[in-house]
Protein backbone atom coordinates (compact mmCIF):
# COMPACT_ATOMS: atom_id res chain seq x y z
CA UNK A 1 -47.66 -34.12 47.86
CA UNK A 2 -43.81 -34.74 49.35
CA UNK A 3 -40.69 -35.55 47.52
CA UNK A 4 -38.18 -38.25 47.61
CA UNK A 5 -35.02 -36.70 46.89
CA UNK A 6 -31.59 -38.71 47.28
CA UNK A 7 -28.84 -37.21 48.71
CA UNK A 8 -26.23 -39.58 49.01
CA UNK A 9 -25.78 -42.66 46.94
CA UNK A 10 -23.55 -44.92 48.74
CA UNK A 11 -23.32 -48.22 46.44
CA UNK A 12 -21.40 -50.99 49.19
CA UNK A 13 -24.22 -50.52 51.47
CA UNK A 14 -27.27 -50.94 49.12
CA UNK A 15 -25.39 -53.30 47.19
CA UNK A 16 -25.05 -55.52 50.94
CA UNK A 17 -28.79 -55.60 50.54
CA UNK A 18 -29.70 -57.64 47.30
CA UNK A 19 -28.76 -61.12 46.12
CA UNK A 20 -27.74 -61.68 42.85
CA UNK A 21 -27.14 -57.91 41.33
CA UNK A 22 -23.42 -57.26 41.91
CA UNK A 23 -22.91 -56.62 38.03
CA UNK A 24 -25.46 -54.05 38.51
CA UNK A 25 -23.84 -52.62 41.36
CA UNK A 26 -20.16 -52.93 39.55
CA UNK A 27 -21.33 -51.45 36.56
CA UNK A 28 -23.16 -48.11 38.71
CA UNK A 29 -19.84 -48.01 40.70
CA UNK A 30 -17.44 -47.82 37.65
CA UNK A 31 -20.21 -44.89 36.22
CA UNK A 32 -19.48 -43.26 39.34
CA UNK A 33 -15.85 -43.64 39.31
CA UNK A 34 -15.88 -42.50 35.64
CA UNK A 35 -16.84 -39.22 36.05
CA UNK A 36 -14.95 -36.39 34.62
CA UNK A 37 -15.04 -32.83 36.01
CA UNK A 38 -13.77 -31.77 32.29
CA UNK A 39 -16.22 -30.58 30.04
CA UNK A 40 -13.36 -30.67 27.28
CA UNK A 41 -13.50 -31.66 24.35
CA UNK A 42 -17.42 -31.48 24.01
CA UNK A 43 -19.02 -35.10 23.27
CA UNK A 44 -22.41 -36.61 22.15
CA UNK A 45 -23.49 -39.77 22.93
CA UNK A 46 -26.18 -41.33 20.38
CA UNK A 47 -28.39 -44.46 20.86
CA UNK A 48 -29.25 -45.72 17.00
CA UNK A 49 -31.29 -48.67 18.22
CA UNK A 50 -31.15 -51.25 20.78
CA UNK A 51 -28.17 -52.54 20.54
CA UNK A 52 -25.99 -49.67 18.19
CA UNK A 53 -24.65 -46.56 20.15
CA UNK A 54 -21.60 -43.84 19.19
CA UNK A 55 -20.18 -41.23 20.47
CA UNK A 56 -19.08 -38.00 18.77
CA UNK A 57 -16.23 -35.69 20.33
CA UNK A 58 -15.37 -32.62 18.92
CA UNK A 59 -11.63 -32.22 18.46
CA UNK A 60 -11.12 -29.75 16.30
CA UNK A 61 -7.23 -29.16 15.72
CA UNK A 62 -6.33 -32.31 16.28
CA UNK A 63 -4.83 -34.49 13.62
CA UNK A 64 -5.98 -38.46 13.71
CA UNK A 65 -2.21 -39.63 14.84
CA UNK A 66 -2.61 -37.41 17.61
CA UNK A 67 -5.82 -39.16 19.20
CA UNK A 68 -6.02 -42.56 20.49
CA UNK A 69 -8.89 -44.83 21.38
CA UNK A 70 -8.82 -48.08 23.72
CA UNK A 71 -11.00 -50.57 25.34
CA UNK A 72 -10.01 -52.21 28.72
CA UNK A 73 -11.62 -53.94 31.28
CA UNK A 74 -14.99 -52.42 30.49
CA UNK A 75 -14.17 -49.03 29.65
CA UNK A 76 -13.71 -46.93 26.37
CA UNK A 77 -10.94 -44.07 26.70
CA UNK A 78 -10.16 -41.27 24.10
CA UNK A 79 -7.01 -39.28 24.43
CA UNK A 80 -5.89 -36.66 22.44
CA UNK A 81 -1.96 -35.66 22.48
CA UNK A 82 -0.81 -32.37 20.96
CA UNK A 83 2.25 -33.14 19.04
CA UNK A 84 3.32 -29.57 18.46
CA UNK A 85 2.41 -27.72 20.80
CA UNK A 86 1.05 -23.70 20.51
CA UNK A 87 3.82 -21.63 20.91
CA UNK A 88 6.69 -24.37 19.82
CA UNK A 89 9.53 -22.41 17.87
CA UNK A 90 8.98 -24.03 14.51
CA UNK A 91 4.94 -23.91 14.95
CA UNK A 92 2.82 -21.19 13.57
CA UNK A 93 2.85 -17.60 15.65
CA UNK A 94 -0.81 -17.13 16.42
CA UNK A 95 -2.21 -13.70 16.47
CA UNK A 96 -5.29 -15.02 18.20
CA UNK A 97 -6.20 -18.68 19.62
CA UNK A 98 -9.56 -19.17 19.75
CA UNK A 99 -9.84 -22.89 19.06
CA UNK A 100 -9.25 -24.82 22.25
CA UNK A 101 -6.17 -27.59 21.59
CA UNK A 102 -5.23 -29.22 24.66
CA UNK A 103 -4.44 -32.76 25.64
CA UNK A 104 -7.31 -34.52 26.91
CA UNK A 105 -8.75 -38.05 28.37
CA UNK A 106 -12.36 -39.17 28.43
CA UNK A 107 -12.83 -42.18 29.96
CA UNK A 108 -16.40 -43.84 29.82
CA UNK A 109 -17.93 -47.68 30.89
CA UNK A 110 -19.10 -49.87 28.88
CA UNK A 111 -22.09 -52.04 29.54
CA UNK A 112 -21.71 -55.73 29.06
CA UNK A 113 -21.09 -56.84 25.34
CA UNK A 114 -20.67 -53.40 24.28
CA UNK A 115 -17.65 -53.37 21.66
CA UNK A 116 -16.00 -50.65 19.77
CA UNK A 117 -17.14 -51.48 15.71
CA UNK A 118 -15.82 -48.61 14.06
CA UNK A 119 -14.36 -45.16 14.21
CA UNK A 120 -14.21 -42.39 12.05
CA UNK A 121 -12.68 -38.70 11.82
CA UNK A 122 -14.06 -36.17 9.78
CA UNK A 123 -14.67 -32.45 9.50
CA UNK A 124 -13.36 -32.48 13.40
CA UNK A 125 -15.28 -34.81 14.83
CA UNK A 126 -14.03 -38.22 15.85
CA UNK A 127 -17.05 -40.96 15.74
CA UNK A 128 -16.73 -43.83 17.68
CA UNK A 129 -19.05 -46.81 16.79
CA UNK A 130 -20.51 -48.91 19.61
CA UNK A 131 -21.93 -52.36 19.12
CA UNK A 132 -23.93 -54.34 21.76
CA UNK A 133 -22.94 -58.18 20.61
CA UNK A 134 -24.39 -60.76 22.48
CA UNK A 135 -23.07 -64.18 22.62
CA UNK A 136 -25.31 -66.99 21.46
CA UNK A 137 -24.90 -68.26 24.49
CA UNK A 138 -26.52 -65.78 26.12
CA UNK A 139 -29.65 -64.99 23.69
CA UNK A 140 -33.24 -66.22 24.94
CA UNK A 141 -33.94 -69.97 23.55
CA UNK A 142 -37.12 -71.16 23.05
CA UNK A 143 -37.52 -74.53 24.96
CA UNK A 144 -39.70 -77.14 22.68
CA UNK A 145 -42.55 -78.96 24.68
CA UNK A 146 -42.58 -82.66 24.18
CA UNK A 147 -45.76 -84.07 24.83
CA UNK A 148 -46.38 -87.74 26.37
CA UNK A 149 -49.21 -89.54 26.00
CA UNK A 150 -50.12 -91.65 29.19
């Protein structure tokens, strides 16, 4: 039995053989382009149910005012910038510095109608709550059937 292996994923080429799937291919392109080679800081993505998700990011050593969360054009971005650099003259003198604390920027593409609903910071973990909020006009509607007598 042979297995099919996808060696190249050329979205524009595949897209030209479809009709009406532009949004799907745009989302795939954003996902591919948002990928980062950095594994820092480590994070979890959790699906709580069909419409609720959260992203947990390990930000040990950062203070709340050193972290910024933004959404823009379908992307969630979390950035951490140290205000005090290791080795600053007025900062602490580390004999061993094993907890990584370096500036970072992580970006994730968001699905349609996904919005940030909250952000919490506790025990070195930043949790960003996300929810898919579908507008009323896009939700399924039942259509009443009127019967006519002839």
